[in-house]
């Protein structure tokens, strides 16, 4: 019997990055784990009840779908702030599939290992008809919506030396011009998942509004009632 916990432990070992002075960065691992758990939950939706989803394949491919970033980072080919900054290239998908084959070869049978590698290699093809690959793509795209997307944006901006306000304004500009609504229609296949994405956007609207207000101390100003008599500097 295949041990899913052993697969997760192996993936965690491969995806937690070692950075300066022996510290670690778990962001890539957390993303992979979150996408995999989301894909497994989506597989339980009513529209998939008549399809056979191989959860072993889904788990292995989901956990390693972005492992190409870790391979390239370890080889010194990319900087940490580049990780998860864009859709992985076909080369990165190939690196991810190869890393999974190397790491899980003693845990998975040849058929499951081959199918999981095929899933990863297919992920840049949005017309893919392999159900496990569809589920990973759907979960990966959904991960861009809601508060999690702000975390990824803020993390990248922090690594680049930019401030919190730059991250907030970047998100709000995209929201204003309908970027996220277009992303829902362009990247998500299933209506139930689209509805989840819309709810996540509403949640993030509230988070962004509060974050901006607190960053600018608006709640403190309201509590003070303008008693200080000082005017705020013009916002830029």
Foldseek 3Di string as FASTA:
>chain_A
DFDLVVLLVLLQVLQWAQDPPRDTDCVRQVLLVQLLVQLVVVCPDPVNPPPDDDNLLLSLLSSLLQSLVSVCVVVVNDDPLCRPVDPDDLVSLLVSLVVSCVRCVVRDDPVSSVSSSVLSNCLVPLVDDDSSNLSSQQSSLLCCAAPNVLVSQCVSCVVVVHDPVVSLVVVVVCVVVCVQVVSLVPRHDDPVSSVVRVVRNVNRVVVSVVVVCVVQVVVVCVVCVCVVVDDDPDDD
